[in-house]
Protein backbone atom coordinates (compact mmCIF):
# COMPACT_ATOMS: atom_id res chain seq x y z
CA MET A 1 47.54 172.22 -41.58
CA ARG A 2 45.03 173.46 -39.22
CA ARG A 3 43.91 171.22 -36.25
CA ILE A 4 40.84 171.17 -34.17
CA PHE A 5 41.22 171.68 -30.60
CA ILE A 6 39.38 169.39 -28.11
CA VAL A 7 39.80 169.54 -24.29
CA VAL A 8 40.79 166.59 -22.44
CA GLY A 9 41.72 166.55 -18.74
CA LEU A 10 41.04 170.15 -17.76
CA ALA A 11 44.09 171.75 -15.86
CA VAL A 12 44.60 175.30 -14.91
CA VAL A 13 45.85 176.43 -18.41
CA ILE A 14 45.63 180.11 -19.42
CA LEU A 15 45.47 180.99 -22.93
CA VAL A 16 46.39 184.69 -23.50
CA GLY A 17 44.77 186.56 -26.29
CA CYS A 18 46.31 188.35 -29.04
CA VAL A 19 48.58 186.17 -31.41
CA GLN A 20 49.31 185.30 -34.99
CA LYS A 21 47.37 183.51 -37.67
CA ALA A 22 49.18 180.26 -37.97
CA ASP A 23 49.11 180.20 -41.83
CA GLU A 24 51.02 183.52 -42.01
CA SER A 25 54.58 183.64 -41.64
CA PRO A 26 55.86 185.00 -38.47
CA ALA A 27 58.21 187.91 -38.40
CA ILE A 28 61.45 188.33 -36.63
CA ILE A 29 61.68 191.99 -35.40
CA GLY A 30 65.09 192.31 -34.22
CA LYS A 31 66.82 193.67 -30.96
CA THR A 32 66.27 196.57 -28.91
CA GLU A 33 68.25 198.69 -26.35
CA THR A 34 69.09 198.09 -22.60
CA LYS A 35 66.64 199.51 -19.94
CA THR A 36 68.01 201.26 -17.09
CA LYS A 37 67.02 199.93 -13.54
CA ASP A 38 65.26 202.08 -10.98
CA VAL A 39 65.33 201.27 -7.35
CA GLU A 40 62.95 202.49 -4.99
CA LYS A 41 62.24 201.71 -1.14
CA VAL A 42 59.01 200.77 0.61
CA ASP A 43 58.56 199.77 4.25
CA ILE A 44 60.95 197.15 4.75
CA ALA A 45 59.74 196.17 8.31
CA ARG A 46 56.17 195.00 6.90
CA LYS A 47 57.65 193.31 3.66
CA VAL A 48 54.37 194.00 2.08
CA TYR A 49 54.20 195.81 -1.25
CA GLU A 50 51.56 198.81 -1.16
CA ALA A 51 49.94 198.94 -4.66
CA ASP A 52 47.48 201.46 -6.45
CA GLN A 53 44.53 199.32 -7.52
CA SER A 54 44.29 201.64 -10.61
CA THR A 55 47.84 200.98 -11.81
CA PHE A 56 48.56 197.54 -10.65
CA HIS A 57 48.35 194.85 -13.48
CA PHE A 58 49.10 191.36 -12.50
CA VAL A 59 51.82 189.01 -10.73
CA GLY A 60 54.39 187.27 -12.72
CA ASP A 61 56.26 184.66 -10.75
CA TRP A 62 59.57 184.38 -8.54
CA LEU A 63 62.61 185.74 -10.00
CA SER A 64 64.89 184.46 -7.10
CA ASP A 65 64.22 182.98 -3.73
CA SER A 66 63.18 186.53 -2.41
CA LYS A 67 62.00 188.46 -5.37
CA ILE A 68 58.73 188.33 -7.12
CA VAL A 69 58.16 189.79 -10.64
CA PHE A 70 54.94 191.80 -11.22
CA VAL A 71 53.54 194.25 -13.80
CA GLU A 72 51.97 197.91 -13.30
CA LYS A 73 51.06 200.35 -15.76
CA ASP A 74 51.34 204.00 -15.59
CA LEU A 75 51.61 207.03 -18.03
CA GLY A 76 50.90 204.82 -20.97
CA LEU A 77 53.77 202.59 -20.09
CA TYR A 78 53.73 198.81 -18.82
CA LEU A 79 56.34 198.24 -15.97
CA VAL A 80 57.94 195.05 -15.31
CA LYS A 81 59.05 195.23 -11.60
CA THR A 82 60.42 192.99 -8.70
CA PHE A 83 59.55 193.20 -5.02
CA ASP A 84 61.95 191.66 -2.64
CA VAL A 85 60.03 190.13 0.32
CA GLU A 86 63.10 190.03 2.43
CA THR A 87 64.45 193.41 2.05
CA GLY A 88 61.34 195.49 0.77
CA GLU A 89 63.05 196.73 -2.30
CA VAL A 90 61.21 197.59 -5.65
CA GLU A 91 63.22 197.27 -8.71
CA LEU A 92 62.24 198.32 -12.44
CA LEU A 93 63.58 195.92 -14.69
CA TYR A 94 61.81 196.98 -18.16
CA GLU A 95 59.13 199.23 -19.56
CA ASP A 96 57.07 198.82 -22.79
CA PRO A 97 54.36 200.91 -24.51
CA PHE A 98 52.48 197.65 -25.60
CA ILE A 99 50.23 195.92 -23.26
CA ILE A 100 51.95 193.03 -21.43
CA THR A 101 49.38 190.32 -21.13
CA ASP A 102 51.74 187.49 -19.57
CA VAL A 103 55.17 187.21 -18.01
CA LEU A 104 57.09 183.94 -17.86
CA ILE A 105 60.37 183.31 -15.86
CA HIS A 106 62.53 180.87 -17.15
CA PRO A 107 63.64 178.20 -14.76
CA SER A 108 67.30 179.28 -14.91
CA LYS A 109 66.20 182.63 -13.57
CA GLU A 110 68.33 184.37 -16.27
CA TYR A 111 65.56 185.04 -18.88
CA ILE A 112 62.11 186.69 -18.89
CA LEU A 113 59.53 186.29 -21.58
CA LEU A 114 56.95 189.05 -22.13
CA HIS A 115 53.75 188.40 -24.17
CA THR A 116 52.75 191.90 -25.51
CA SER A 117 50.19 193.18 -27.81
CA ASP A 118 49.03 196.43 -29.35
CA ASN A 119 45.73 194.79 -30.98
CA PRO A 120 43.41 191.99 -30.53
CA ASN A 121 44.83 189.80 -33.37
CA SER A 122 48.47 189.87 -32.70
CA ALA A 123 51.33 189.45 -30.22
CA VAL A 124 54.74 190.43 -29.79
CA ILE A 125 56.97 187.92 -27.76
CA LYS A 126 59.94 189.50 -26.21
CA VAL A 127 62.65 187.45 -24.54
CA LEU A 128 65.00 189.49 -22.36
CA SER A 129 67.87 188.82 -19.82
CA ILE A 130 67.08 190.06 -16.24
CA ASP A 131 69.23 193.26 -16.91
CA GLY A 132 66.51 194.25 -19.35
CA VAL A 133 68.37 193.43 -22.61
CA ILE A 134 66.04 192.00 -25.27
CA HIS A 135 67.68 189.02 -26.88
CA ASN A 136 64.62 187.92 -29.31
CA GLU A 137 61.51 189.61 -30.42
CA ILE A 138 58.74 187.69 -32.42
CA SER A 139 55.49 189.02 -34.01
CA ILE A 140 52.79 186.46 -34.29
CA GLU A 141 49.09 186.65 -35.44
CA SER A 142 46.39 184.53 -33.98
CA SER A 143 43.39 184.89 -31.53
CA GLU A 144 44.83 183.09 -28.56
CA LEU A 145 48.34 181.95 -27.87
CA ALA A 146 49.62 179.09 -25.58
CA ILE A 147 53.36 179.02 -24.79
CA GLU A 148 55.63 176.22 -23.62
CA TRP A 149 59.23 177.18 -22.91
CA ASN A 150 62.00 174.52 -22.62
CA ASN A 151 63.18 174.49 -19.19
CA LEU A 152 66.78 173.21 -20.12
CA ASP A 153 67.31 175.37 -23.03
CA PRO A 154 65.64 179.09 -22.98
CA SER A 155 66.37 179.41 -26.70
CA LEU A 156 63.58 177.00 -27.49
CA ILE A 157 60.09 177.91 -27.29
CA LEU A 158 56.92 176.33 -28.55
CA PHE A 159 53.92 178.38 -29.55
CA THR A 160 50.37 177.34 -30.34
CA ALA A 161 48.38 179.69 -32.23
CA PHE A 162 44.70 179.48 -31.90
CA ASP A 163 42.29 180.95 -34.63
CA SER A 164 38.65 182.33 -33.66
CA ASP A 165 37.31 178.96 -34.21
CA TRP A 166 39.70 177.05 -32.15
CA THR A 167 41.58 175.36 -35.19
CA PHE A 168 45.34 175.95 -34.19
CA ASP A 169 48.83 175.34 -35.38
CA THR A 170 52.07 174.74 -33.33
CA PHE A 171 55.42 176.38 -34.15
CA LEU A 172 58.94 175.79 -32.75
CA TYR A 173 60.91 178.89 -32.28
CA ASN A 174 64.81 178.58 -31.92
CA GLY A 175 66.19 181.89 -30.67
CA LYS A 176 69.79 180.93 -31.37
CA ASP A 177 69.13 180.77 -35.10
CA GLU A 178 66.09 182.84 -35.06
CA LEU A 179 64.11 179.91 -37.00
CA PHE A 180 60.48 179.65 -36.70
CA THR A 181 59.07 176.18 -37.90
CA LEU A 182 55.77 174.47 -38.33
CA VAL A 183 55.46 171.41 -35.85
CA GLU A 184 53.08 168.67 -37.16
CA ILE A 185 51.46 167.43 -33.94
CA ASP A 186 47.72 167.05 -33.06
CA GLY A 187 47.65 167.93 -29.47
CA PRO A 188 47.28 171.75 -28.74
CA PHE A 189 49.08 171.84 -25.58
CA PRO A 190 52.53 170.02 -26.09
CA LYS A 191 55.03 169.61 -23.29
CA TRP A 192 59.08 169.47 -23.77
CA TYR A 193 60.69 166.35 -22.99
CA GLY A 194 64.59 167.15 -22.78
CA THR A 195 65.57 169.51 -25.77
CA LYS A 196 64.78 167.31 -28.74
CA LYS A 197 61.33 165.69 -27.97
CA ILE A 198 57.83 166.80 -27.55
CA ILE A 199 55.27 165.03 -25.65
CA THR A 200 51.50 165.34 -26.86
CA GLY A 201 48.37 163.09 -26.23
CA TYR A 202 46.34 161.12 -28.59
CA PHE A 203 42.89 161.32 -27.21
CA ASP A 204 39.34 159.98 -27.87
CA GLU A 205 36.84 162.63 -28.63
CA HIS A 206 34.93 162.38 -25.32
CA GLU A 207 36.70 164.30 -22.87
CA LEU A 208 36.43 161.79 -19.93
CA ASP A 209 37.90 159.15 -21.93
CA SER A 210 41.80 158.76 -21.41
CA GLY A 211 44.50 158.55 -24.38
CA THR A 212 48.01 157.53 -25.10
CA LEU A 213 51.12 159.70 -25.06
CA VAL A 214 52.81 160.61 -28.52
CA VAL A 215 56.46 161.60 -28.91
CA TYR A 216 57.51 164.09 -31.61
CA ASN A 217 61.22 164.20 -32.52
CA THR A 218 62.01 167.88 -33.48
CA GLU A 219 65.17 166.61 -35.37
CA THR A 220 63.55 164.07 -37.50
CA GLY A 221 60.04 165.38 -37.65
CA SER A 222 58.60 162.04 -36.99
CA SER A 223 55.93 161.12 -34.37
CA GLU A 224 55.52 157.90 -32.56
CA LEU A 225 52.99 156.53 -30.28
CA THR A 226 54.15 155.51 -26.92
CA ASP A 227 52.88 152.51 -24.56
CA ILE A 228 52.00 155.18 -21.78
CA ALA A 229 48.15 154.81 -22.23
CA ASN A 230 44.86 155.54 -20.31
CA VAL A 231 46.31 159.02 -19.47
CA VAL A 232 43.72 161.84 -18.51
CA TYR A 233 46.39 164.57 -17.81
CA PHE A 234 50.32 164.87 -17.97
CA ASP A 235 52.95 167.30 -17.40
CA THR A 236 56.79 167.13 -17.90
CA TYR A 237 59.88 168.34 -16.28
CA GLU A 238 63.16 168.10 -18.13
CA GLU A 239 63.26 164.19 -18.74
CA SER A 240 60.47 163.29 -16.43
CA ILE A 241 56.75 162.70 -17.28
CA LEU A 242 54.02 163.05 -14.71
CA VAL A 243 50.86 161.06 -15.94
CA VAL A 244 47.50 160.79 -14.28
CA ARG A 245 45.28 157.87 -14.77
CA ILE A 246 41.86 157.06 -13.14
CA ASP A 247 41.17 153.81 -11.38
CA ASP A 248 37.88 151.93 -11.07
CA GLU A 249 36.92 153.89 -7.80
CA ASN A 250 37.62 157.33 -9.58
CA ASN A 251 40.73 158.03 -7.66
CA ALA A 252 43.45 159.71 -9.56
CA ILE A 253 46.61 158.00 -9.92
CA TYR A 254 49.77 159.83 -10.41
CA THR A 255 52.96 158.48 -11.82
CA ILE A 256 56.36 160.30 -12.40
CA MET A 257 58.10 158.16 -14.92
CA ASP A 258 60.63 158.39 -18.05
CA LEU A 259 59.54 157.63 -21.67
CA ASP A 260 60.89 154.04 -21.33
CA GLY A 261 58.29 153.57 -18.73
CA LEU A 262 60.74 153.31 -15.73
CA ILE A 263 58.54 154.56 -12.63
CA ALA A 264 60.35 157.04 -10.13
CA SER A 265 57.44 157.37 -7.95
CA GLU A 266 53.49 156.81 -7.51
CA TRP A 267 50.84 157.93 -5.61
CA LYS A 268 46.88 158.09 -5.22
CA MET A 269 44.54 161.28 -4.87
CA PRO A 270 41.02 162.11 -4.81
CA ALA A 271 39.80 162.91 -8.52
CA VAL A 272 37.48 165.91 -9.40
CA SER A 273 35.37 166.12 -12.60
CA ASN A 274 33.35 168.99 -14.23
CA TYR A 275 30.51 166.67 -15.78
CA SER A 276 32.36 166.38 -19.07
CA GLU A 277 35.92 166.63 -18.12
CA TRP A 278 38.31 165.82 -15.40
CA VAL A 279 39.72 168.72 -13.46
CA PHE A 280 43.35 168.92 -12.21
CA GLN A 281 45.20 171.84 -10.45
CA LYS A 282 48.37 172.52 -12.25
CA VAL A 283 51.47 171.08 -10.58
CA THR A 284 54.56 172.88 -9.55
CA TRP A 285 57.99 171.15 -10.05
CA ASP A 286 60.65 171.37 -7.57
CA GLY A 287 63.13 169.01 -9.03
CA PRO A 288 62.38 165.79 -10.97
CA ASN A 289 61.19 164.11 -7.82
CA ARG A 290 59.32 166.71 -5.83
CA ILE A 291 56.09 168.63 -6.85
CA PHE A 292 53.64 171.06 -5.23
CA LEU A 293 49.97 171.11 -5.91
CA PRO A 294 46.61 172.02 -4.35
CA ALA A 295 45.06 168.82 -3.63
CA PRO A 296 41.41 168.04 -2.96
CA GLU A 297 40.44 166.46 0.18
CA GLU A 298 37.75 164.23 -1.60
CA SER A 299 36.43 163.14 -5.01
CA GLY A 300 33.35 164.37 -6.69
CA GLU A 301 31.82 166.82 -8.94
CA LEU A 302 33.55 170.37 -8.97
CA ASP A 303 30.19 172.25 -8.26
CA ASP A 304 29.36 169.98 -5.47
CA LEU A 305 32.40 169.95 -3.52
CA THR A 306 32.24 171.36 0.05
CA SER A 307 35.70 170.07 1.37
CA PRO A 308 38.74 172.31 0.88
CA TYR A 309 41.95 172.09 -1.15
CA HIS A 310 45.23 171.55 0.62
CA LEU A 311 48.77 172.78 -0.35
CA THR A 312 50.52 169.37 -0.60
CA SER A 313 53.99 168.37 -1.29
CA ILE A 314 55.14 165.10 -2.80
CA VAL A 315 58.64 163.65 -2.70
CA ASP A 316 59.38 160.57 -3.96
CA GLY A 317 55.70 159.62 -4.12
CA GLN A 318 55.25 160.40 -0.13
CA GLN A 319 52.59 163.15 0.34
CA GLU A 320 52.80 165.70 2.95
CA VAL A 321 49.87 168.42 3.61
CA LEU A 322 51.80 171.54 4.16
CA VAL A 323 48.96 174.03 4.69
CA LYS A 324 45.30 173.30 4.85
CA ASP A 325 42.37 175.24 3.27
CA ILE A 326 43.91 177.21 0.50
CA THR A 327 42.38 178.54 -2.77
CA PRO A 328 42.53 176.09 -5.47
CA SER A 329 44.63 178.32 -7.92
CA VAL A 330 48.14 178.19 -9.72
CA LEU A 331 50.91 177.67 -7.09
CA ARG A 332 54.04 179.93 -7.69
CA CYS A 333 56.74 178.52 -5.57
CA SER A 334 60.18 179.95 -5.00
CA PRO A 335 63.40 178.28 -6.37
CA ASP A 336 64.53 177.13 -2.69
CA GLY A 337 61.01 175.54 -2.36
CA GLU A 338 60.48 177.53 0.95
CA LYS A 339 57.72 179.91 -0.02
CA CYS A 340 54.50 179.94 -2.34
CA LEU A 341 52.14 182.44 -3.91
CA THR A 342 48.60 181.44 -4.08
CA GLY A 343 45.19 183.10 -4.36
CA TYR A 344 43.40 183.95 -7.43
CA ALA A 345 45.83 186.88 -8.05
CA SER A 346 48.77 185.16 -6.42
CA GLU A 347 48.45 187.93 -3.77
CA LYS A 348 48.85 185.63 -0.75
CA LEU A 349 52.35 184.38 0.34
CA ILE A 350 52.79 181.14 2.25
CA ASP A 351 55.87 180.55 4.19
CA LEU A 352 56.16 176.78 3.97
CA LYS A 353 58.59 176.66 7.15
CA THR A 354 56.37 178.69 9.44
CA LYS A 355 53.08 177.91 7.66
CA GLU A 356 52.52 181.61 7.93
CA GLU A 357 50.23 183.17 5.23
CA ILE A 358 50.09 186.94 4.45
CA ASP A 359 48.87 189.20 1.76
CA TRP A 360 52.25 190.39 0.35
CA ILE A 361 50.26 193.01 -1.71
CA GLN A 362 48.06 195.50 -0.02
CA PHE A 363 46.06 198.23 -2.02
CA ARG A 364 46.11 201.73 -0.96
CA GLU A 365 42.75 203.09 -0.06
């Protein structure tokens, strides 16, 4: 059943093009060979990667406390590499002839998901271990694809496949059994809660209106409306839910809770809107009770804001501004919570202990 996509509570969500038409059966392609790692040396003293702008593709995420995954293209191949900010080593993890449009790193840091494509209407998803061995490979057809990887079980992945008219279907892929099943939910951006439940939102048609969270049980196929209402944005981590509500003074009230309504922490921040929708920066979880996010200094319309965003840490509801005046973009923080990548291309590295900010990528002239 095709569903119509309505945006409610705009976050920094990136849809990557080239996926499967949801009414066609996805194909399991199989396994491939191990790729040999190559290691090259760069200027260790500087801990800066000197890149060629003509071949550099994009930054992925942290693979460890010191290694950053990125993608380059060279001689018709797309190369998945790591750069170690402590030693300066560059390592080749994997290469692919298809265009790599996105890279996801599982929280376990044991698996990498590649979104690849060789034409605008399809995608090939590859899940590989960090030694370059592909464990699962799935072909999907659609115009755009949203991916939600279970942070407890790397074999469980949700795919939302969009058509050109923004109708969509959501599928659950189980890599252990290589099963691909349709999930009957209404929201286009579901979130995992544990390994057997999926959270979506039931919203009114107007984007500034709030909604109620819905729980879908993957074992029974049933959905249940929760008592968690008036929500304009939500996210999950394992079995914790972050919900945002707007109070009468247009402040954003953030709450971390569980499905039973037990509140772990709560705090208030300025709320930003873009006329027809609320705008929230994507949060980065560092455990169930700590998150990082670029926080606005004041409420208002996005186009009218003159005050900066600050890199803020929230632990058990207590806010701490770590670094002032940063680019409001997706944060990518190291597993130890001591370093974060920021900037529109994740080109800046912030040391949260020293507050030092550097451009860890420098493009050769």
